[in-house]
Amino acid sequence: MIYEFRKLHLNNPCVPVKTCCWVLEQARLGSELIIFGARKSPSKKLREIVTNYSLTIGVLTASDDIERCFRIRANGNRPRPIVIKLSSSEARNKWLVGKQSRGALNGDTGLVFWHSQGKREADGAAAARATLAEARRAVGNGQLQQACVRDGKFYDIIALSETWLKPHIPNALVNLRGYYLLRLNRAGRERGGTLHACRLGRDCPRLVPLSVQGSAGVSFTSDICPRLPSAPIGTAVLIEDFNINLNRSTHDSKSLLDLCTSNSLYLVPFKDTHYTSHFYTRIDHCLQSLSALDWSDFRRLTVNAKLNRLNKSLLSTMDLHAPLRSFKAKSRPPAPWLDHTIRARMQRGKKSFPTLSFPHETPQLSSSLQRS
């Protein structure tokens, strides 16, 4: 169920979207809509309002999906709620899937907003809200409309290199007051998606990158940025999320390090942060530790002493890299070797040799019958 506020606010364009989203997030587990403040039966306009608010939180619910409505009694002069039931299980599933994609069914406590004299912060889905977490921390306490540096000036550009934004998420869900957005959505099921929030009044021409597929099967991206000699423009180069493994000496890692060194650039942070599928695994570290041990004693020891020394070396290395951890299991983990064939044979064996039982059988009688 989703709780709505008074009808006075439903038709009030001054109510910010964050308030609409907040009230729509109060109940997370139901598939029904509850609109508070309705003094009469829902009309076509009310159905459209419900549909629009559903789209605001990323749930596709058409007005035709609302099958019937009925009012609930309220004491005194309080607004009476109206329960709006969805027409079919398909519509209910769409509602649940939409809320689940936003994290509303996974223990999410709802949208987080900071109220401030009618100012509007970034609103939207849980995924879009998470993408702005880094920007909110940078500007202090999440109040993005008061994003100031120490000298009292606003940030001109807020850049996020990986936002997970998809084409169906509108700008209204991630809009920042005083900024306009330049975004590049993620394609398909891949990661990525960039977002630049530029302050209003700043001229930020958008350059279109060219993705070129070479004849040898090598693809590259080309950007051209003109710079007038008379324009006092500083230069800042940001390279983010290139997915280059700095643990290995490859062409990509050497090119990135050479680019930084030749142009007096810096890597922030100053160490590698990304690991690919070729990085060292835990067993690799175990093998490296074993190779560093002193194995000269194996030539002078007896067979039993060699076996004890080998076991001691293996156990000490495993304790270093994979120590034992005690935990209380809530349920018995399934045995990985019990496949469907073995389970079927176990069931067949139980049915082939049933145990004789009586209606009023006692444990003593059962044990005596089994012995006999």
Protein backbone atom coordinates (compact mmCIF):
# COMPACT_ATOMS: atom_id res chain seq x y z
CA MET A 1 0.00 0.00 0.00
CA ILE A 2 1.14 3.52 -0.74
CA TYR A 3 -0.08 6.40 1.36
CA GLU A 4 -0.85 9.74 -0.22
CA PHE A 5 -1.35 13.11 1.45
CA ARG A 6 -4.34 15.47 1.44
CA LYS A 7 -6.15 16.17 -1.80
CA LEU A 8 -5.22 19.82 -1.44
CA HIS A 9 -1.68 18.81 -2.35
CA LEU A 10 -2.66 16.57 -5.24
CA ASN A 11 -3.56 19.45 -7.52
CA ASN A 12 -1.07 21.93 -6.09
CA PRO A 13 1.77 22.47 -8.57
CA CYS A 14 3.87 24.11 -5.85
CA VAL A 15 4.34 20.80 -4.05
CA PRO A 16 7.83 19.54 -4.94
CA VAL A 17 8.28 16.14 -6.49
CA LYS A 18 10.25 14.96 -3.46
CA THR A 19 7.12 15.20 -1.33
CA CYS A 20 5.18 13.13 -3.82
CA CYS A 21 7.93 10.53 -3.87
CA TRP A 22 8.22 10.50 -0.09
CA VAL A 23 4.57 9.75 0.50
CA LEU A 24 4.61 7.13 -2.21
CA GLU A 25 7.43 5.31 -0.42
CA GLN A 26 5.76 5.00 2.98
CA ALA A 27 4.43 1.50 2.33
CA ARG A 28 6.71 -0.81 0.39
CA LEU A 29 5.34 -4.32 0.44
CA GLY A 30 1.80 -3.97 -0.93
CA SER A 31 0.48 -3.86 -4.44
CA GLU A 32 -2.38 -1.45 -3.73
CA LEU A 33 -2.57 2.32 -3.75
CA ILE A 34 -4.17 4.29 -0.93
CA ILE A 35 -4.95 7.93 -1.65
CA PHE A 36 -5.67 10.01 1.44
CA GLY A 37 -7.82 13.12 1.32
CA ALA A 38 -10.29 12.05 -1.35
CA ARG A 39 -13.73 13.45 -0.47
CA LYS A 40 -15.52 11.70 -3.31
CA SER A 41 -15.17 8.75 -5.59
CA PRO A 42 -12.00 8.80 -7.70
CA SER A 43 -12.41 10.44 -11.04
CA LYS A 44 -10.49 10.08 -14.27
CA LYS A 45 -8.21 12.90 -13.21
CA LEU A 46 -7.36 11.11 -9.98
CA ARG A 47 -6.52 8.00 -11.95
CA GLU A 48 -4.15 10.07 -14.11
CA ILE A 49 -2.55 11.52 -10.97
CA VAL A 50 -1.95 8.02 -9.62
CA THR A 51 -0.42 7.00 -12.95
CA ASN A 52 1.87 10.03 -13.01
CA TYR A 53 3.05 9.43 -9.47
CA SER A 54 3.68 5.79 -10.33
CA LEU A 55 5.90 6.90 -13.20
CA THR A 56 7.70 9.24 -10.80
CA ILE A 57 8.92 6.30 -8.75
CA GLY A 58 9.72 4.22 -11.81
CA VAL A 59 6.61 1.99 -11.85
CA LEU A 60 4.62 1.69 -15.06
CA THR A 61 0.94 1.64 -14.06
CA ALA A 62 -1.62 2.71 -16.63
CA SER A 63 -4.93 4.27 -15.62
CA ASP A 64 -6.73 1.25 -17.09
CA ASP A 65 -4.97 -0.98 -14.57
CA ILE A 66 -6.96 0.63 -11.75
CA GLU A 67 -10.00 -1.61 -11.56
CA ARG A 68 -12.14 -0.31 -8.71
CA CYS A 69 -12.02 2.10 -5.82
CA PHE A 70 -13.81 2.26 -2.49
CA ARG A 71 -13.65 4.59 0.48
CA ILE A 72 -12.78 3.79 4.09
CA ARG A 73 -14.54 5.48 6.97
CA ALA A 74 -12.68 8.07 9.00
CA ASN A 75 -13.57 9.65 12.34
CA GLY A 76 -14.31 13.34 12.58
CA ASN A 77 -13.31 15.63 9.75
CA ARG A 78 -10.20 13.73 8.80
CA PRO A 79 -9.67 12.97 5.12
CA ARG A 80 -11.02 9.59 4.11
CA PRO A 81 -8.64 7.22 2.32
CA ILE A 82 -9.60 5.47 -0.88
CA VAL A 83 -8.18 2.07 -1.71
CA ILE A 84 -7.40 1.60 -5.38
CA LYS A 85 -7.05 -2.02 -6.41
CA LEU A 86 -5.18 -3.00 -9.54
CA SER A 87 -7.11 -4.87 -12.21
CA SER A 88 -5.03 -7.98 -12.76
CA SER A 89 -2.17 -10.01 -11.38
CA GLU A 90 -0.06 -8.73 -14.28
CA ALA A 91 -0.56 -5.15 -13.12
CA ARG A 92 0.26 -6.18 -9.56
CA ASN A 93 3.40 -7.93 -10.76
CA LYS A 94 4.46 -4.84 -12.69
CA TRP A 95 4.02 -2.80 -9.55
CA LEU A 96 6.04 -5.23 -7.42
CA VAL A 97 8.79 -5.61 -10.04
CA GLY A 98 9.06 -1.85 -10.36
CA LYS A 99 9.39 -1.43 -6.61
CA GLN A 100 11.81 -4.33 -6.36
CA SER A 101 14.06 -2.77 -9.02
CA ARG A 102 14.21 0.33 -6.84
CA GLY A 103 15.17 -1.62 -3.74
CA ALA A 104 11.83 -0.96 -2.03
CA LEU A 105 11.25 -4.64 -1.34
CA ASN A 106 14.75 -5.34 0.00
CA GLY A 107 14.54 -3.50 3.28
CA ASP A 108 15.06 -0.04 1.81
CA THR A 109 13.85 2.59 4.25
CA GLY A 110 12.52 4.80 1.47
CA LEU A 111 13.75 7.94 -0.18
CA VAL A 112 15.98 10.24 1.83
CA PHE A 113 15.28 13.94 1.44
CA TRP A 114 16.52 17.08 3.11
CA HIS A 115 13.74 19.66 3.61
CA SER A 116 14.74 23.29 3.05
CA GLN A 117 12.22 26.08 2.37
CA GLY A 118 10.75 24.62 -0.77
CA LYS A 119 14.14 23.99 -2.35
CA ARG A 120 14.30 20.85 -4.40
CA GLU A 121 17.01 18.25 -4.15
CA ALA A 122 17.72 15.26 -6.31
CA ASP A 123 14.69 12.97 -6.35
CA GLY A 124 14.19 9.61 -7.84
CA ALA A 125 14.68 5.91 -7.76
CA ALA A 126 16.97 4.06 -5.39
CA ALA A 127 19.45 3.29 -8.16
CA ALA A 128 19.56 6.89 -9.35
CA ARG A 129 19.76 8.10 -5.76
CA ALA A 130 22.76 5.88 -5.08
CA THR A 131 24.63 7.33 -8.05
CA LEU A 132 24.56 10.77 -6.46
CA ALA A 133 25.98 9.59 -3.13
CA GLU A 134 29.53 10.56 -4.05
CA ALA A 135 28.45 14.02 -5.17
CA ARG A 136 26.39 14.51 -2.03
CA ARG A 137 29.31 13.62 0.20
CA ALA A 138 31.51 16.03 -1.71
CA VAL A 139 29.19 18.99 -1.23
CA GLY A 140 28.48 18.30 2.41
CA ASN A 141 25.62 16.65 4.29
CA GLY A 142 23.73 15.80 1.11
CA GLN A 143 22.34 19.35 0.67
CA LEU A 144 23.21 19.67 -2.97
CA GLN A 145 21.40 22.98 -3.40
CA GLN A 146 23.88 24.49 -0.92
CA ALA A 147 26.92 23.00 -2.59
CA CYS A 148 29.67 25.44 -1.68
CA VAL A 149 33.40 25.23 -1.51
CA ARG A 150 35.34 26.87 1.29
CA ASP A 151 35.42 30.27 -0.34
CA GLY A 152 31.63 30.31 -0.68
CA LYS A 153 31.39 29.58 -4.40
CA PHE A 154 29.21 26.91 -5.95
CA TYR A 155 30.61 23.97 -7.83
CA ASP A 156 30.45 24.61 -11.56
CA ILE A 157 30.55 20.97 -12.65
CA ILE A 158 29.78 17.76 -10.81
CA ALA A 159 30.95 14.72 -12.79
CA LEU A 160 30.04 11.10 -12.08
CA SER A 161 31.84 8.45 -14.11
CA GLU A 162 29.56 5.48 -13.39
CA THR A 163 25.91 6.22 -12.73
CA TRP A 164 24.04 3.11 -14.01
CA LEU A 165 21.49 5.47 -15.55
CA LYS A 166 19.27 3.88 -18.19
CA PRO A 167 17.26 5.61 -20.93
CA HIS A 168 13.91 5.04 -19.17
CA ILE A 169 15.00 7.09 -16.12
CA PRO A 170 13.97 10.71 -16.81
CA ASN A 171 16.04 13.72 -15.81
CA ALA A 172 13.37 14.71 -13.30
CA LEU A 173 14.42 11.81 -11.09
CA VAL A 174 18.07 12.92 -10.86
CA ASN A 175 17.67 16.65 -11.38
CA LEU A 176 19.74 19.04 -9.25
CA ARG A 177 18.51 22.50 -8.42
CA GLY A 178 20.57 25.12 -10.21
CA TYR A 179 22.18 22.64 -12.60
CA TYR A 180 21.39 21.15 -15.99
CA LEU A 181 22.36 17.59 -16.84
CA LEU A 182 24.49 16.10 -19.59
CA ARG A 183 24.24 12.32 -19.45
CA LEU A 184 25.35 9.26 -21.36
CA ASN A 185 23.18 6.27 -20.43
CA ARG A 186 24.44 2.76 -19.90
CA ALA A 187 23.80 0.41 -22.81
CA GLY A 188 22.02 -2.88 -22.26
CA ARG A 189 23.13 -4.88 -19.25
CA GLU A 190 26.62 -3.43 -19.19
CA ARG A 191 27.88 -1.16 -16.47
CA GLY A 192 28.68 2.49 -16.93
CA GLY A 193 26.80 5.64 -17.77
CA THR A 194 28.22 9.12 -17.17
CA LEU A 195 26.53 12.19 -15.76
CA HIS A 196 27.70 15.81 -15.74
CA ALA A 197 25.74 18.37 -13.75
CA CYS A 198 26.66 21.84 -15.04
CA ARG A 199 25.67 24.96 -13.16
CA LEU A 200 23.07 27.15 -14.84
CA GLY A 201 24.58 30.19 -16.51
CA ARG A 202 27.78 28.36 -17.43
CA ASP A 203 28.37 27.73 -21.12
CA CYS A 204 29.34 24.06 -21.37
CA PRO A 205 29.22 22.94 -24.99
CA ARG A 206 28.84 19.21 -25.28
CA LEU A 207 31.36 17.42 -27.43
CA VAL A 208 30.21 14.28 -29.18
CA PRO A 209 32.76 11.43 -28.99
CA LEU A 210 33.39 9.38 -32.11
CA SER A 211 33.66 5.62 -31.67
CA VAL A 212 35.70 4.22 -34.57
CA GLN A 213 36.13 0.55 -35.45
CA GLY A 214 39.50 0.06 -37.11
CA SER A 215 40.26 -2.27 -39.98
CA ALA A 216 42.35 -4.52 -37.72
CA GLY A 217 39.47 -4.99 -35.29
CA VAL A 218 40.78 -2.38 -32.85
CA SER A 219 38.22 0.19 -31.72
CA PHE A 220 39.03 3.61 -30.29
CA THR A 221 37.27 6.81 -29.26
CA SER A 222 38.16 10.22 -30.68
CA ASP A 223 37.34 13.59 -29.07
CA ILE A 224 38.29 17.01 -30.47
CA CYS A 225 38.21 20.01 -28.15
CA PRO A 226 38.99 23.40 -29.75
CA ARG A 227 40.68 26.00 -27.57
CA LEU A 228 40.90 29.59 -28.74
CA PRO A 229 44.24 31.34 -28.10
CA SER A 230 42.49 34.40 -26.66
CA ALA A 231 40.34 32.42 -24.23
CA PRO A 232 41.79 32.22 -20.70
CA ILE A 233 40.87 28.58 -20.18
CA GLY A 234 42.61 26.27 -17.76
CA THR A 235 43.17 22.64 -18.59
CA ALA A 236 41.97 19.72 -16.50
CA VAL A 237 42.09 16.13 -17.71
CA LEU A 238 39.90 13.57 -15.93
CA ILE A 239 40.35 9.89 -16.78
CA GLU A 240 37.91 7.73 -14.85
CA ASP A 241 36.87 4.10 -14.85
CA PHE A 242 39.22 2.92 -17.60
CA ASN A 243 39.29 -0.65 -16.17
CA ILE A 244 43.07 -0.95 -16.51
CA ASN A 245 44.87 -3.42 -14.25
CA LEU A 246 47.95 -1.68 -12.89
CA ASN A 247 49.16 -4.90 -11.23
CA ARG A 248 50.34 -6.23 -14.59
CA SER A 249 52.76 -4.75 -17.09
CA THR A 250 50.55 -4.54 -20.16
CA HIS A 251 50.28 -2.14 -23.08
CA ASP A 252 47.28 -0.42 -21.50
CA SER A 253 48.91 0.05 -18.10
CA LYS A 254 52.16 1.33 -19.65
CA SER A 255 50.25 3.76 -21.90
CA LEU A 256 48.28 5.16 -18.97
CA LEU A 257 51.38 5.58 -16.77
CA ASP A 258 53.35 7.14 -19.66
CA LEU A 259 50.49 9.56 -20.32
CA CYS A 260 50.46 10.65 -16.68
CA THR A 261 54.25 10.96 -16.48
CA SER A 262 54.76 12.86 -19.75
CA ASN A 263 51.97 15.37 -18.99
CA SER A 264 52.73 15.86 -15.27
CA LEU A 265 49.44 14.25 -14.31
CA TYR A 266 48.64 12.36 -11.12
CA LEU A 267 46.69 9.23 -10.34
CA VAL A 268 44.20 9.73 -7.53
CA PRO A 269 44.35 7.58 -5.49
CA PHE A 270 48.02 6.81 -5.94
CA LYS A 271 47.60 3.04 -6.08
CA ASP A 272 45.77 0.50 -8.16
CA THR A 273 42.10 0.09 -7.36
CA HIS A 274 40.83 -2.29 -10.02
CA TYR A 275 41.35 -6.03 -10.43
CA THR A 276 40.49 -7.92 -13.55
CA SER A 277 39.90 -11.64 -14.04
CA HIS A 278 43.68 -12.14 -14.39
CA PHE A 279 44.72 -10.78 -11.00
CA TYR A 280 46.28 -13.00 -8.34
CA THR A 281 43.77 -15.15 -6.49
CA ARG A 282 44.06 -16.44 -2.93
CA ILE A 283 45.53 -19.74 -4.06
CA ASP A 284 48.22 -17.80 -5.97
CA HIS A 285 49.25 -16.06 -2.75
CA CYS A 286 49.37 -19.45 -1.02
CA LEU A 287 51.66 -20.82 -3.72
CA GLN A 288 53.91 -17.78 -3.45
CA SER A 289 54.17 -18.22 0.32
CA LEU A 290 54.97 -21.91 -0.09
CA SER A 291 57.68 -21.16 -2.63
CA ALA A 292 59.25 -18.72 -0.18
CA LEU A 293 59.64 -21.40 2.53
CA ASP A 294 62.94 -23.13 3.25
CA TRP A 295 62.69 -26.58 1.68
CA SER A 296 66.32 -27.60 2.26
CA ASP A 297 65.45 -29.70 5.33
CA PHE A 298 63.56 -32.16 3.13
CA ARG A 299 66.85 -33.58 1.90
CA ARG A 300 68.03 -34.51 5.40
CA LEU A 301 64.80 -35.64 7.06
CA THR A 302 63.24 -39.08 7.18
CA VAL A 303 60.02 -39.90 5.36
CA ASN A 304 57.85 -39.36 8.45
CA ALA A 305 59.64 -36.10 9.26
CA LYS A 306 59.19 -34.90 5.67
CA LEU A 307 55.47 -35.68 5.84
CA ASN A 308 55.10 -33.81 9.13
CA ARG A 309 57.08 -30.85 7.79
CA LEU A 310 54.96 -30.75 4.63
CA ASN A 311 51.70 -30.82 6.60
CA LYS A 312 52.96 -28.12 8.95
CA SER A 313 54.00 -25.87 6.04
CA LEU A 314 50.68 -26.34 4.25
CA LEU A 315 48.62 -25.70 7.38
CA SER A 316 50.60 -22.60 8.38
CA THR A 317 50.22 -21.15 4.88
CA MET A 318 46.48 -21.86 4.79
CA ASP A 319 46.05 -20.34 8.25
CA LEU A 320 47.79 -17.21 7.00
CA HIS A 321 45.77 -16.69 3.83
CA ALA A 322 42.54 -18.58 4.60
CA PRO A 323 42.07 -18.72 8.38
CA LEU A 324 39.27 -20.73 9.92
CA ARG A 325 36.14 -18.82 10.82
CA SER A 326 33.56 -20.04 13.29
CA PHE A 327 29.91 -19.21 12.70
CA LYS A 328 26.53 -20.49 13.77
CA ALA A 329 24.66 -22.00 10.83
CA LYS A 330 20.97 -21.19 10.85
CA SER A 331 20.12 -24.09 8.58
CA ARG A 332 21.86 -27.16 7.26
CA PRO A 333 23.66 -26.34 4.02
CA PRO A 334 22.72 -28.56 1.06
CA ALA A 335 25.22 -31.25 0.13
CA PRO A 336 26.70 -30.40 -3.29
CA TRP A 337 27.13 -34.08 -4.22
CA LEU A 338 23.43 -34.88 -3.82
CA ASP A 339 22.13 -34.36 -7.33
CA HIS A 340 18.65 -35.16 -8.62
CA THR A 341 19.60 -38.73 -9.55
CA ILE A 342 20.85 -39.61 -6.08
CA ARG A 343 17.87 -37.95 -4.42
CA ALA A 344 15.48 -39.91 -6.64
CA ARG A 345 17.19 -43.19 -5.72
CA MET A 346 17.03 -42.28 -2.03
CA GLN A 347 13.31 -41.68 -2.30
CA ARG A 348 12.86 -44.96 -4.19
CA GLY A 349 14.76 -46.82 -1.46
CA LYS A 350 12.59 -45.34 1.28
CA LYS A 351 9.44 -46.39 -0.57
CA SER A 352 10.79 -49.90 -1.19
CA PHE A 353 11.46 -50.58 2.51
CA PRO A 354 8.72 -48.83 4.51
CA THR A 355 8.93 -48.88 8.31
CA LEU A 356 6.17 -50.70 10.19
CA SER A 357 4.33 -48.33 12.53
CA PHE A 358 1.25 -48.42 14.75
CA PRO A 359 -1.17 -45.59 15.58
CA HIS A 360 -0.34 -45.66 19.32
CA GLU A 361 3.28 -46.66 19.01
CA THR A 362 5.68 -45.69 21.83
CA PRO A 363 9.48 -45.31 21.57
CA GLN A 364 9.98 -48.46 23.68
CA LEU A 365 7.65 -50.48 21.43
CA SER A 366 9.35 -49.14 18.31
CA SER A 367 12.82 -50.14 19.53
CA SER A 368 11.62 -53.62 20.53
CA LEU A 369 10.01 -54.14 17.12
CA GLN A 370 13.21 -53.12 15.36
CA ARG A 371 15.29 -55.52 17.47
CA SER A 372 12.91 -58.37 16.77
